[in-house]
Amino acid sequence: PTFVPGLVIDVSQTVQAPAEKFIA
């Protein structure tokens, strides 16, 4: 959200996690 007129800021966040896999 912009408070300063004319300012456009985009954000991007990435998360990596191990996939859970059941192994007998």
PDBML (XML) file of the C-alpha atoms, coordinates in Angstrom:
<?xml version="1.0" encoding="UTF-8" ?>
<PDBx:datablock datablockName="MODEL"
   xmlns:PDBx="http://pdbml.pdb.org/schema/pdbx-v50.xsd"
   xmlns:xsi="http://www.w3.org/2001/XMLSchema-instance"
   xsi:schemaLocation="http://pdbml.pdb.org/schema/pdbx-v50.xsd pdbx-v50.xsd">
   <PDBx:atom_siteCategory>
      <PDBx:atom_site id="1">
         <PDBx:B_iso_or_equiv>0.00</PDBx:B_iso_or_equiv>
         <PDBx:Cartn_x>0.000</PDBx:Cartn_x>
         <PDBx:Cartn_y>0.000</PDBx:Cartn_y>
         <PDBx:Cartn_z>0.000</PDBx:Cartn_z>
         <PDBx:auth_asym_id>A</PDBx:auth_asym_id>
         <PDBx:auth_atom_id>CA</PDBx:auth_atom_id>
         <PDBx:auth_comp_id>PRO</PDBx:auth_comp_id>
         <PDBx:auth_seq_id>1</PDBx:auth_seq_id>
         <PDBx:group_PDB>ATOM</PDBx:group_PDB>
         <PDBx:label_alt_id xsi:nil="true" />
         <PDBx:label_asym_id>A</PDBx:label_asym_id>
         <PDBx:label_atom_id>CA</PDBx:label_atom_id>
         <PDBx:label_comp_id>PRO</PDBx:label_comp_id>
         <PDBx:label_entity_id>1</PDBx:label_entity_id>
         <PDBx:label_seq_id>1</PDBx:label_seq_id>
         <PDBx:occupancy>1.00</PDBx:occupancy>
         <PDBx:pdbx_PDB_model_num>1</PDBx:pdbx_PDB_model_num>
         <PDBx:type_symbol>C</PDBx:type_symbol>
      </PDBx:atom_site>
      <PDBx:atom_site id="2">
         <PDBx:B_iso_or_equiv>0.00</PDBx:B_iso_or_equiv>
         <PDBx:Cartn_x>1.376</PDBx:Cartn_x>
         <PDBx:Cartn_y>3.427</PDBx:Cartn_y>
         <PDBx:Cartn_z>-0.910</PDBx:Cartn_z>
         <PDBx:auth_asym_id>A</PDBx:auth_asym_id>
         <PDBx:auth_atom_id>CA</PDBx:auth_atom_id>
         <PDBx:auth_comp_id>THR</PDBx:auth_comp_id>
         <PDBx:auth_seq_id>2</PDBx:auth_seq_id>
         <PDBx:group_PDB>ATOM</PDBx:group_PDB>
         <PDBx:label_alt_id xsi:nil="true" />
         <PDBx:label_asym_id>A</PDBx:label_asym_id>
         <PDBx:label_atom_id>CA</PDBx:label_atom_id>
         <PDBx:label_comp_id>THR</PDBx:label_comp_id>
         <PDBx:label_entity_id>1</PDBx:label_entity_id>
         <PDBx:label_seq_id>2</PDBx:label_seq_id>
         <PDBx:occupancy>1.00</PDBx:occupancy>
         <PDBx:pdbx_PDB_model_num>1</PDBx:pdbx_PDB_model_num>
         <PDBx:type_symbol>C</PDBx:type_symbol>
      </PDBx:atom_site>
      <PDBx:atom_site id="3">
         <PDBx:B_iso_or_equiv>0.00</PDBx:B_iso_or_equiv>
         <PDBx:Cartn_x>1.541</PDBx:Cartn_x>
         <PDBx:Cartn_y>6.380</PDBx:Cartn_y>
         <PDBx:Cartn_z>1.424</PDBx:Cartn_z>
         <PDBx:auth_asym_id>A</PDBx:auth_asym_id>
         <PDBx:auth_atom_id>CA</PDBx:auth_atom_id>
         <PDBx:auth_comp_id>PHE</PDBx:auth_comp_id>
         <PDBx:auth_seq_id>3</PDBx:auth_seq_id>
         <PDBx:group_PDB>ATOM</PDBx:group_PDB>
         <PDBx:label_alt_id xsi:nil="true" />
         <PDBx:label_asym_id>A</PDBx:label_asym_id>
         <PDBx:label_atom_id>CA</PDBx:label_atom_id>
         <PDBx:label_comp_id>PHE</PDBx:label_comp_id>
         <PDBx:label_entity_id>1</PDBx:label_entity_id>
         <PDBx:label_seq_id>3</PDBx:label_seq_id>
         <PDBx:occupancy>1.00</PDBx:occupancy>
         <PDBx:pdbx_PDB_model_num>1</PDBx:pdbx_PDB_model_num>
         <PDBx:type_symbol>C</PDBx:type_symbol>
      </PDBx:atom_site>
      <PDBx:atom_site id="4">
         <PDBx:B_iso_or_equiv>0.00</PDBx:B_iso_or_equiv>
         <PDBx:Cartn_x>3.873</PDBx:Cartn_x>
         <PDBx:Cartn_y>8.438</PDBx:Cartn_y>
         <PDBx:Cartn_z>-0.761</PDBx:Cartn_z>
         <PDBx:auth_asym_id>A</PDBx:auth_asym_id>
         <PDBx:auth_atom_id>CA</PDBx:auth_atom_id>
         <PDBx:auth_comp_id>VAL</PDBx:auth_comp_id>
         <PDBx:auth_seq_id>4</PDBx:auth_seq_id>
         <PDBx:group_PDB>ATOM</PDBx:group_PDB>
         <PDBx:label_alt_id xsi:nil="true" />
         <PDBx:label_asym_id>A</PDBx:label_asym_id>
         <PDBx:label_atom_id>CA</PDBx:label_atom_id>
         <PDBx:label_comp_id>VAL</PDBx:label_comp_id>
         <PDBx:label_entity_id>1</PDBx:label_entity_id>
         <PDBx:label_seq_id>4</PDBx:label_seq_id>
         <PDBx:occupancy>1.00</PDBx:occupancy>
         <PDBx:pdbx_PDB_model_num>1</PDBx:pdbx_PDB_model_num>
         <PDBx:type_symbol>C</PDBx:type_symbol>
      </PDBx:atom_site>
      <PDBx:atom_site id="5">
         <PDBx:B_iso_or_equiv>0.00</PDBx:B_iso_or_equiv>
         <PDBx:Cartn_x>1.977</PDBx:Cartn_x>
         <PDBx:Cartn_y>9.515</PDBx:Cartn_y>
         <PDBx:Cartn_z>-3.906</PDBx:Cartn_z>
         <PDBx:auth_asym_id>A</PDBx:auth_asym_id>
         <PDBx:auth_atom_id>CA</PDBx:auth_atom_id>
         <PDBx:auth_comp_id>PRO</PDBx:auth_comp_id>
         <PDBx:auth_seq_id>5</PDBx:auth_seq_id>
         <PDBx:group_PDB>ATOM</PDBx:group_PDB>
         <PDBx:label_alt_id xsi:nil="true" />
         <PDBx:label_asym_id>A</PDBx:label_asym_id>
         <PDBx:label_atom_id>CA</PDBx:label_atom_id>
         <PDBx:label_comp_id>PRO</PDBx:label_comp_id>
         <PDBx:label_entity_id>1</PDBx:label_entity_id>
         <PDBx:label_seq_id>5</PDBx:label_seq_id>
         <PDBx:occupancy>1.00</PDBx:occupancy>
         <PDBx:pdbx_PDB_model_num>1</PDBx:pdbx_PDB_model_num>
         <PDBx:type_symbol>C</PDBx:type_symbol>
      </PDBx:atom_site>
      <PDBx:atom_site id="6">
         <PDBx:B_iso_or_equiv>0.00</PDBx:B_iso_or_equiv>
         <PDBx:Cartn_x>3.265</PDBx:Cartn_x>
         <PDBx:Cartn_y>7.985</PDBx:Cartn_y>
         <PDBx:Cartn_z>-7.134</PDBx:Cartn_z>
         <PDBx:auth_asym_id>A</PDBx:auth_asym_id>
         <PDBx:auth_atom_id>CA</PDBx:auth_atom_id>
         <PDBx:auth_comp_id>GLY</PDBx:auth_comp_id>
         <PDBx:auth_seq_id>6</PDBx:auth_seq_id>
         <PDBx:group_PDB>ATOM</PDBx:group_PDB>
         <PDBx:label_alt_id xsi:nil="true" />
         <PDBx:label_asym_id>A</PDBx:label_asym_id>
         <PDBx:label_atom_id>CA</PDBx:label_atom_id>
         <PDBx:label_comp_id>GLY</PDBx:label_comp_id>
         <PDBx:label_entity_id>1</PDBx:label_entity_id>
         <PDBx:label_seq_id>6</PDBx:label_seq_id>
         <PDBx:occupancy>1.00</PDBx:occupancy>
         <PDBx:pdbx_PDB_model_num>1</PDBx:pdbx_PDB_model_num>
         <PDBx:type_symbol>C</PDBx:type_symbol>
      </PDBx:atom_site>
      <PDBx:atom_site id="7">
         <PDBx:B_iso_or_equiv>0.00</PDBx:B_iso_or_equiv>
         <PDBx:Cartn_x>5.407</PDBx:Cartn_x>
         <PDBx:Cartn_y>5.332</PDBx:Cartn_y>
         <PDBx:Cartn_z>-5.455</PDBx:Cartn_z>
         <PDBx:auth_asym_id>A</PDBx:auth_asym_id>
         <PDBx:auth_atom_id>CA</PDBx:auth_atom_id>
         <PDBx:auth_comp_id>LEU</PDBx:auth_comp_id>
         <PDBx:auth_seq_id>7</PDBx:auth_seq_id>
         <PDBx:group_PDB>ATOM</PDBx:group_PDB>
         <PDBx:label_alt_id xsi:nil="true" />
         <PDBx:label_asym_id>A</PDBx:label_asym_id>
         <PDBx:label_atom_id>CA</PDBx:label_atom_id>
         <PDBx:label_comp_id>LEU</PDBx:label_comp_id>
         <PDBx:label_entity_id>1</PDBx:label_entity_id>
         <PDBx:label_seq_id>7</PDBx:label_seq_id>
         <PDBx:occupancy>1.00</PDBx:occupancy>
         <PDBx:pdbx_PDB_model_num>1</PDBx:pdbx_PDB_model_num>
         <PDBx:type_symbol>C</PDBx:type_symbol>
      </PDBx:atom_site>
      <PDBx:atom_site id="8">
         <PDBx:B_iso_or_equiv>0.00</PDBx:B_iso_or_equiv>
         <PDBx:Cartn_x>4.714</PDBx:Cartn_x>
         <PDBx:Cartn_y>1.740</PDBx:Cartn_y>
         <PDBx:Cartn_z>-6.540</PDBx:Cartn_z>
         <PDBx:auth_asym_id>A</PDBx:auth_asym_id>
         <PDBx:auth_atom_id>CA</PDBx:auth_atom_id>
         <PDBx:auth_comp_id>VAL</PDBx:auth_comp_id>
         <PDBx:auth_seq_id>8</PDBx:auth_seq_id>
         <PDBx:group_PDB>ATOM</PDBx:group_PDB>
         <PDBx:label_alt_id xsi:nil="true" />
         <PDBx:label_asym_id>A</PDBx:label_asym_id>
         <PDBx:label_atom_id>CA</PDBx:label_atom_id>
         <PDBx:label_comp_id>VAL</PDBx:label_comp_id>
         <PDBx:label_entity_id>1</PDBx:label_entity_id>
         <PDBx:label_seq_id>8</PDBx:label_seq_id>
         <PDBx:occupancy>1.00</PDBx:occupancy>
         <PDBx:pdbx_PDB_model_num>1</PDBx:pdbx_PDB_model_num>
         <PDBx:type_symbol>C</PDBx:type_symbol>
      </PDBx:atom_site>
      <PDBx:atom_site id="9">
         <PDBx:B_iso_or_equiv>0.00</PDBx:B_iso_or_equiv>
         <PDBx:Cartn_x>6.468</PDBx:Cartn_x>
         <PDBx:Cartn_y>-1.082</PDBx:Cartn_y>
         <PDBx:Cartn_z>-4.684</PDBx:Cartn_z>
         <PDBx:auth_asym_id>A</PDBx:auth_asym_id>
         <PDBx:auth_atom_id>CA</PDBx:auth_atom_id>
         <PDBx:auth_comp_id>ILE</PDBx:auth_comp_id>
         <PDBx:auth_seq_id>9</PDBx:auth_seq_id>
         <PDBx:group_PDB>ATOM</PDBx:group_PDB>
         <PDBx:label_alt_id xsi:nil="true" />
         <PDBx:label_asym_id>A</PDBx:label_asym_id>
         <PDBx:label_atom_id>CA</PDBx:label_atom_id>
         <PDBx:label_comp_id>ILE</PDBx:label_comp_id>
         <PDBx:label_entity_id>1</PDBx:label_entity_id>
         <PDBx:label_seq_id>9</PDBx:label_seq_id>
         <PDBx:occupancy>1.00</PDBx:occupancy>
         <PDBx:pdbx_PDB_model_num>1</PDBx:pdbx_PDB_model_num>
         <PDBx:type_symbol>C</PDBx:type_symbol>
      </PDBx:atom_site>
      <PDBx:atom_site id="10">
         <PDBx:B_iso_or_equiv>0.00</PDBx:B_iso_or_equiv>
         <PDBx:Cartn_x>6.028</PDBx:Cartn_x>
         <PDBx:Cartn_y>-4.798</PDBx:Cartn_y>
         <PDBx:Cartn_z>-5.348</PDBx:Cartn_z>
         <PDBx:auth_asym_id>A</PDBx:auth_asym_id>
         <PDBx:auth_atom_id>CA</PDBx:auth_atom_id>
         <PDBx:auth_comp_id>ASP</PDBx:auth_comp_id>
         <PDBx:auth_seq_id>10</PDBx:auth_seq_id>
         <PDBx:group_PDB>ATOM</PDBx:group_PDB>
         <PDBx:label_alt_id xsi:nil="true" />
         <PDBx:label_asym_id>A</PDBx:label_asym_id>
         <PDBx:label_atom_id>CA</PDBx:label_atom_id>
         <PDBx:label_comp_id>ASP</PDBx:label_comp_id>
         <PDBx:label_entity_id>1</PDBx:label_entity_id>
         <PDBx:label_seq_id>10</PDBx:label_seq_id>
         <PDBx:occupancy>1.00</PDBx:occupancy>
         <PDBx:pdbx_PDB_model_num>1</PDBx:pdbx_PDB_model_num>
         <PDBx:type_symbol>C</PDBx:type_symbol>
      </PDBx:atom_site>
      <PDBx:atom_site id="11">
         <PDBx:B_iso_or_equiv>0.00</PDBx:B_iso_or_equiv>
         <PDBx:Cartn_x>7.164</PDBx:Cartn_x>
         <PDBx:Cartn_y>-7.486</PDBx:Cartn_y>
         <PDBx:Cartn_z>-2.928</PDBx:Cartn_z>
         <PDBx:auth_asym_id>A</PDBx:auth_asym_id>
         <PDBx:auth_atom_id>CA</PDBx:auth_atom_id>
         <PDBx:auth_comp_id>VAL</PDBx:auth_comp_id>
         <PDBx:auth_seq_id>11</PDBx:auth_seq_id>
         <PDBx:group_PDB>ATOM</PDBx:group_PDB>
         <PDBx:label_alt_id xsi:nil="true" />
         <PDBx:label_asym_id>A</PDBx:label_asym_id>
         <PDBx:label_atom_id>CA</PDBx:label_atom_id>
         <PDBx:label_comp_id>VAL</PDBx:label_comp_id>
         <PDBx:label_entity_id>1</PDBx:label_entity_id>
         <PDBx:label_seq_id>11</PDBx:label_seq_id>
         <PDBx:occupancy>1.00</PDBx:occupancy>
         <PDBx:pdbx_PDB_model_num>1</PDBx:pdbx_PDB_model_num>
         <PDBx:type_symbol>C</PDBx:type_symbol>
      </PDBx:atom_site>
      <PDBx:atom_site id="12">
         <PDBx:B_iso_or_equiv>0.00</PDBx:B_iso_or_equiv>
         <PDBx:Cartn_x>7.901</PDBx:Cartn_x>
         <PDBx:Cartn_y>-11.148</PDBx:Cartn_y>
         <PDBx:Cartn_z>-3.500</PDBx:Cartn_z>
         <PDBx:auth_asym_id>A</PDBx:auth_asym_id>
         <PDBx:auth_atom_id>CA</PDBx:auth_atom_id>
         <PDBx:auth_comp_id>SER</PDBx:auth_comp_id>
         <PDBx:auth_seq_id>12</PDBx:auth_seq_id>
         <PDBx:group_PDB>ATOM</PDBx:group_PDB>
         <PDBx:label_alt_id xsi:nil="true" />
         <PDBx:label_asym_id>A</PDBx:label_asym_id>
         <PDBx:label_atom_id>CA</PDBx:label_atom_id>
         <PDBx:label_comp_id>SER</PDBx:label_comp_id>
         <PDBx:label_entity_id>1</PDBx:label_entity_id>
         <PDBx:label_seq_id>12</PDBx:label_seq_id>
         <PDBx:occupancy>1.00</PDBx:occupancy>
         <PDBx:pdbx_PDB_model_num>1</PDBx:pdbx_PDB_model_num>
         <PDBx:type_symbol>C</PDBx:type_symbol>
      </PDBx:atom_site>
      <PDBx:atom_site id="13">
         <PDBx:B_iso_or_equiv>0.00</PDBx:B_iso_or_equiv>
         <PDBx:Cartn_x>8.793</PDBx:Cartn_x>
         <PDBx:Cartn_y>-13.802</PDBx:Cartn_y>
         <PDBx:Cartn_z>-0.936</PDBx:Cartn_z>
         <PDBx:auth_asym_id>A</PDBx:auth_asym_id>
         <PDBx:auth_atom_id>CA</PDBx:auth_atom_id>
         <PDBx:auth_comp_id>GLN</PDBx:auth_comp_id>
         <PDBx:auth_seq_id>13</PDBx:auth_seq_id>
         <PDBx:group_PDB>ATOM</PDBx:group_PDB>
         <PDBx:label_alt_id xsi:nil="true" />
         <PDBx:label_asym_id>A</PDBx:label_asym_id>
         <PDBx:label_atom_id>CA</PDBx:label_atom_id>
         <PDBx:label_comp_id>GLN</PDBx:label_comp_id>
         <PDBx:label_entity_id>1</PDBx:label_entity_id>
         <PDBx:label_seq_id>13</PDBx:label_seq_id>
         <PDBx:occupancy>1.00</PDBx:occupancy>
         <PDBx:pdbx_PDB_model_num>1</PDBx:pdbx_PDB_model_num>
         <PDBx:type_symbol>C</PDBx:type_symbol>
      </PDBx:atom_site>
      <PDBx:atom_site id="14">
         <PDBx:B_iso_or_equiv>0.00</PDBx:B_iso_or_equiv>
         <PDBx:Cartn_x>9.732</PDBx:Cartn_x>
         <PDBx:Cartn_y>-17.421</PDBx:Cartn_y>
         <PDBx:Cartn_z>-1.601</PDBx:Cartn_z>
         <PDBx:auth_asym_id>A</PDBx:auth_asym_id>
         <PDBx:auth_atom_id>CA</PDBx:auth_atom_id>
         <PDBx:auth_comp_id>THR</PDBx:auth_comp_id>
         <PDBx:auth_seq_id>14</PDBx:auth_seq_id>
         <PDBx:group_PDB>ATOM</PDBx:group_PDB>
         <PDBx:label_alt_id xsi:nil="true" />
         <PDBx:label_asym_id>A</PDBx:label_asym_id>
         <PDBx:label_atom_id>CA</PDBx:label_atom_id>
         <PDBx:label_comp_id>THR</PDBx:label_comp_id>
         <PDBx:label_entity_id>1</PDBx:label_entity_id>
         <PDBx:label_seq_id>14</PDBx:label_seq_id>
         <PDBx:occupancy>1.00</PDBx:occupancy>
         <PDBx:pdbx_PDB_model_num>1</PDBx:pdbx_PDB_model_num>
         <PDBx:type_symbol>C</PDBx:type_symbol>
      </PDBx:atom_site>
      <PDBx:atom_site id="15">
         <PDBx:B_iso_or_equiv>0.00</PDBx:B_iso_or_equiv>
         <PDBx:Cartn_x>9.750</PDBx:Cartn_x>
         <PDBx:Cartn_y>-20.329</PDBx:Cartn_y>
         <PDBx:Cartn_z>0.838</PDBx:Cartn_z>
         <PDBx:auth_asym_id>A</PDBx:auth_asym_id>
         <PDBx:auth_atom_id>CA</PDBx:auth_atom_id>
         <PDBx:auth_comp_id>VAL</PDBx:auth_comp_id>
         <PDBx:auth_seq_id>15</PDBx:auth_seq_id>
         <PDBx:group_PDB>ATOM</PDBx:group_PDB>
         <PDBx:label_alt_id xsi:nil="true" />
         <PDBx:label_asym_id>A</PDBx:label_asym_id>
         <PDBx:label_atom_id>CA</PDBx:label_atom_id>
         <PDBx:label_comp_id>VAL</PDBx:label_comp_id>
         <PDBx:label_entity_id>1</PDBx:label_entity_id>
         <PDBx:label_seq_id>15</PDBx:label_seq_id>
         <PDBx:occupancy>1.00</PDBx:occupancy>
         <PDBx:pdbx_PDB_model_num>1</PDBx:pdbx_PDB_model_num>
         <PDBx:type_symbol>C</PDBx:type_symbol>
      </PDBx:atom_site>
      <PDBx:atom_site id="16">
         <PDBx:B_iso_or_equiv>0.00</PDBx:B_iso_or_equiv>
         <PDBx:Cartn_x>11.285</PDBx:Cartn_x>
         <PDBx:Cartn_y>-23.735</PDBx:Cartn_y>
         <PDBx:Cartn_z>0.179</PDBx:Cartn_z>
         <PDBx:auth_asym_id>A</PDBx:auth_asym_id>
         <PDBx:auth_atom_id>CA</PDBx:auth_atom_id>
         <PDBx:auth_comp_id>GLN</PDBx:auth_comp_id>
         <PDBx:auth_seq_id>16</PDBx:auth_seq_id>
         <PDBx:group_PDB>ATOM</PDBx:group_PDB>
         <PDBx:label_alt_id xsi:nil="true" />
         <PDBx:label_asym_id>A</PDBx:label_asym_id>
         <PDBx:label_atom_id>CA</PDBx:label_atom_id>
         <PDBx:label_comp_id>GLN</PDBx:label_comp_id>
         <PDBx:label_entity_id>1</PDBx:label_entity_id>
         <PDBx:label_seq_id>16</PDBx:label_seq_id>
         <PDBx:occupancy>1.00</PDBx:occupancy>
         <PDBx:pdbx_PDB_model_num>1</PDBx:pdbx_PDB_model_num>
         <PDBx:type_symbol>C</PDBx:type_symbol>
      </PDBx:atom_site>
      <PDBx:atom_site id="17">
         <PDBx:B_iso_or_equiv>0.00</PDBx:B_iso_or_equiv>
         <PDBx:Cartn_x>10.425</PDBx:Cartn_x>
         <PDBx:Cartn_y>-26.721</PDBx:Cartn_y>
         <PDBx:Cartn_z>2.329</PDBx:Cartn_z>
         <PDBx:auth_asym_id>A</PDBx:auth_asym_id>
         <PDBx:auth_atom_id>CA</PDBx:auth_atom_id>
         <PDBx:auth_comp_id>ALA</PDBx:auth_comp_id>
         <PDBx:auth_seq_id>17</PDBx:auth_seq_id>
         <PDBx:group_PDB>ATOM</PDBx:group_PDB>
         <PDBx:label_alt_id xsi:nil="true" />
         <PDBx:label_asym_id>A</PDBx:label_asym_id>
         <PDBx:label_atom_id>CA</PDBx:label_atom_id>
         <PDBx:label_comp_id>ALA</PDBx:label_comp_id>
         <PDBx:label_entity_id>1</PDBx:label_entity_id>
         <PDBx:label_seq_id>17</PDBx:label_seq_id>
         <PDBx:occupancy>1.00</PDBx:occupancy>
         <PDBx:pdbx_PDB_model_num>1</PDBx:pdbx_PDB_model_num>
         <PDBx:type_symbol>C</PDBx:type_symbol>
      </PDBx:atom_site>
      <PDBx:atom_site id="18">
         <PDBx:B_iso_or_equiv>0.00</PDBx:B_iso_or_equiv>
         <PDBx:Cartn_x>11.100</PDBx:Cartn_x>
         <PDBx:Cartn_y>-30.435</PDBx:Cartn_y>
         <PDBx:Cartn_z>2.042</PDBx:Cartn_z>
         <PDBx:auth_asym_id>A</PDBx:auth_asym_id>
         <PDBx:auth_atom_id>CA</PDBx:auth_atom_id>
         <PDBx:auth_comp_id>PRO</PDBx:auth_comp_id>
         <PDBx:auth_seq_id>18</PDBx:auth_seq_id>
         <PDBx:group_PDB>ATOM</PDBx:group_PDB>
         <PDBx:label_alt_id xsi:nil="true" />
         <PDBx:label_asym_id>A</PDBx:label_asym_id>
         <PDBx:label_atom_id>CA</PDBx:label_atom_id>
         <PDBx:label_comp_id>PRO</PDBx:label_comp_id>
         <PDBx:label_entity_id>1</PDBx:label_entity_id>
         <PDBx:label_seq_id>18</PDBx:label_seq_id>
         <PDBx:occupancy>1.00</PDBx:occupancy>
         <PDBx:pdbx_PDB_model_num>1</PDBx:pdbx_PDB_model_num>
         <PDBx:type_symbol>C</PDBx:type_symbol>
      </PDBx:atom_site>
      <PDBx:atom_site id="19">
         <PDBx:B_iso_or_equiv>0.00</PDBx:B_iso_or_equiv>
         <PDBx:Cartn_x>8.182</PDBx:Cartn_x>
         <PDBx:Cartn_y>-32.515</PDBx:Cartn_y>
         <PDBx:Cartn_z>0.838</PDBx:Cartn_z>
         <PDBx:auth_asym_id>A</PDBx:auth_asym_id>
         <PDBx:auth_atom_id>CA</PDBx:auth_atom_id>
         <PDBx:auth_comp_id>ALA</PDBx:auth_comp_id>
         <PDBx:auth_seq_id>19</PDBx:auth_seq_id>
         <PDBx:group_PDB>ATOM</PDBx:group_PDB>
         <PDBx:label_alt_id xsi:nil="true" />
         <PDBx:label_asym_id>A</PDBx:label_asym_id>
         <PDBx:label_atom_id>CA</PDBx:label_atom_id>
         <PDBx:label_comp_id>ALA</PDBx:label_comp_id>
         <PDBx:label_entity_id>1</PDBx:label_entity_id>
         <PDBx:label_seq_id>19</PDBx:label_seq_id>
         <PDBx:occupancy>1.00</PDBx:occupancy>
         <PDBx:pdbx_PDB_model_num>1</PDBx:pdbx_PDB_model_num>
         <PDBx:type_symbol>C</PDBx:type_symbol>
      </PDBx:atom_site>
      <PDBx:atom_site id="20">
         <PDBx:B_iso_or_equiv>0.00</PDBx:B_iso_or_equiv>
         <PDBx:Cartn_x>7.057</PDBx:Cartn_x>
         <PDBx:Cartn_y>-35.011</PDBx:Cartn_y>
         <PDBx:Cartn_z>3.438</PDBx:Cartn_z>
         <PDBx:auth_asym_id>A</PDBx:auth_asym_id>
         <PDBx:auth_atom_id>CA</PDBx:auth_atom_id>
         <PDBx:auth_comp_id>GLU</PDBx:auth_comp_id>
         <PDBx:auth_seq_id>20</PDBx:auth_seq_id>
         <PDBx:group_PDB>ATOM</PDBx:group_PDB>
         <PDBx:label_alt_id xsi:nil="true" />
         <PDBx:label_asym_id>A</PDBx:label_asym_id>
         <PDBx:label_atom_id>CA</PDBx:label_atom_id>
         <PDBx:label_comp_id>GLU</PDBx:label_comp_id>
         <PDBx:label_entity_id>1</PDBx:label_entity_id>
         <PDBx:label_seq_id>20</PDBx:label_seq_id>
         <PDBx:occupancy>1.00</PDBx:occupancy>
         <PDBx:pdbx_PDB_model_num>1</PDBx:pdbx_PDB_model_num>
         <PDBx:type_symbol>C</PDBx:type_symbol>
      </PDBx:atom_site>
      <PDBx:atom_site id="21">
         <PDBx:B_iso_or_equiv>0.00</PDBx:B_iso_or_equiv>
         <PDBx:Cartn_x>7.178</PDBx:Cartn_x>
         <PDBx:Cartn_y>-38.583</PDBx:Cartn_y>
         <PDBx:Cartn_z>2.254</PDBx:Cartn_z>
         <PDBx:auth_asym_id>A</PDBx:auth_asym_id>
         <PDBx:auth_atom_id>CA</PDBx:auth_atom_id>
         <PDBx:auth_comp_id>LYS</PDBx:auth_comp_id>
         <PDBx:auth_seq_id>21</PDBx:auth_seq_id>
         <PDBx:group_PDB>ATOM</PDBx:group_PDB>
         <PDBx:label_alt_id xsi:nil="true" />
         <PDBx:label_asym_id>A</PDBx:label_asym_id>
         <PDBx:label_atom_id>CA</PDBx:label_atom_id>
         <PDBx:label_comp_id>LYS</PDBx:label_comp_id>
         <PDBx:label_entity_id>1</PDBx:label_entity_id>
         <PDBx:label_seq_id>21</PDBx:label_seq_id>
         <PDBx:occupancy>1.00</PDBx:occupancy>
         <PDBx:pdbx_PDB_model_num>1</PDBx:pdbx_PDB_model_num>
         <PDBx:type_symbol>C</PDBx:type_symbol>
      </PDBx:atom_site>
      <PDBx:atom_site id="22">
         <PDBx:B_iso_or_equiv>0.00</PDBx:B_iso_or_equiv>
         <PDBx:Cartn_x>6.189</PDBx:Cartn_x>
         <PDBx:Cartn_y>-41.652</PDBx:Cartn_y>
         <PDBx:Cartn_z>4.227</PDBx:Cartn_z>
         <PDBx:auth_asym_id>A</PDBx:auth_asym_id>
         <PDBx:auth_atom_id>CA</PDBx:auth_atom_id>
         <PDBx:auth_comp_id>PHE</PDBx:auth_comp_id>
         <PDBx:auth_seq_id>22</PDBx:auth_seq_id>
         <PDBx:group_PDB>ATOM</PDBx:group_PDB>
         <PDBx:label_alt_id xsi:nil="true" />
         <PDBx:label_asym_id>A</PDBx:label_asym_id>
         <PDBx:label_atom_id>CA</PDBx:label_atom_id>
         <PDBx:label_comp_id>PHE</PDBx:label_comp_id>
         <PDBx:label_entity_id>1</PDBx:label_entity_id>
         <PDBx:label_seq_id>22</PDBx:label_seq_id>
         <PDBx:occupancy>1.00</PDBx:occupancy>
         <PDBx:pdbx_PDB_model_num>1</PDBx:pdbx_PDB_model_num>
         <PDBx:type_symbol>C</PDBx:type_symbol>
      </PDBx:atom_site>
      <PDBx:atom_site id="23">
         <PDBx:B_iso_or_equiv>0.00</PDBx:B_iso_or_equiv>
         <PDBx:Cartn_x>8.783</PDBx:Cartn_x>
         <PDBx:Cartn_y>-44.411</PDBx:Cartn_y>
         <PDBx:Cartn_z>4.047</PDBx:Cartn_z>
         <PDBx:auth_asym_id>A</PDBx:auth_asym_id>
         <PDBx:auth_atom_id>CA</PDBx:auth_atom_id>
         <PDBx:auth_comp_id>ILE</PDBx:auth_comp_id>
         <PDBx:auth_seq_id>23</PDBx:auth_seq_id>
         <PDBx:group_PDB>ATOM</PDBx:group_PDB>
         <PDBx:label_alt_id xsi:nil="true" />
         <PDBx:label_asym_id>A</PDBx:label_asym_id>
         <PDBx:label_atom_id>CA</PDBx:label_atom_id>
         <PDBx:label_comp_id>ILE</PDBx:label_comp_id>
         <PDBx:label_entity_id>1</PDBx:label_entity_id>
         <PDBx:label_seq_id>23</PDBx:label_seq_id>
         <PDBx:occupancy>1.00</PDBx:occupancy>
         <PDBx:pdbx_PDB_model_num>1</PDBx:pdbx_PDB_model_num>
         <PDBx:type_symbol>C</PDBx:type_symbol>
      </PDBx:atom_site>
      <PDBx:atom_site id="24">
         <PDBx:B_iso_or_equiv>0.00</PDBx:B_iso_or_equiv>
         <PDBx:Cartn_x>7.935</PDBx:Cartn_x>
         <PDBx:Cartn_y>-47.769</PDBx:Cartn_y>
         <PDBx:Cartn_z>5.648</PDBx:Cartn_z>
         <PDBx:auth_asym_id>A</PDBx:auth_asym_id>
         <PDBx:auth_atom_id>CA</PDBx:auth_atom_id>
         <PDBx:auth_comp_id>ALA</PDBx:auth_comp_id>
         <PDBx:auth_seq_id>24</PDBx:auth_seq_id>
         <PDBx:group_PDB>ATOM</PDBx:group_PDB>
         <PDBx:label_alt_id xsi:nil="true" />
         <PDBx:label_asym_id>A</PDBx:label_asym_id>
         <PDBx:label_atom_id>CA</PDBx:label_atom_id>
         <PDBx:label_comp_id>ALA</PDBx:label_comp_id>
         <PDBx:label_entity_id>1</PDBx:label_entity_id>
         <PDBx:label_seq_id>24</PDBx:label_seq_id>
         <PDBx:occupancy>1.00</PDBx:occupancy>
         <PDBx:pdbx_PDB_model_num>1</PDBx:pdbx_PDB_model_num>
         <PDBx:type_symbol>C</PDBx:type_symbol>
      </PDBx:atom_site>
   </PDBx:atom_siteCategory>
</PDBx:datablock>
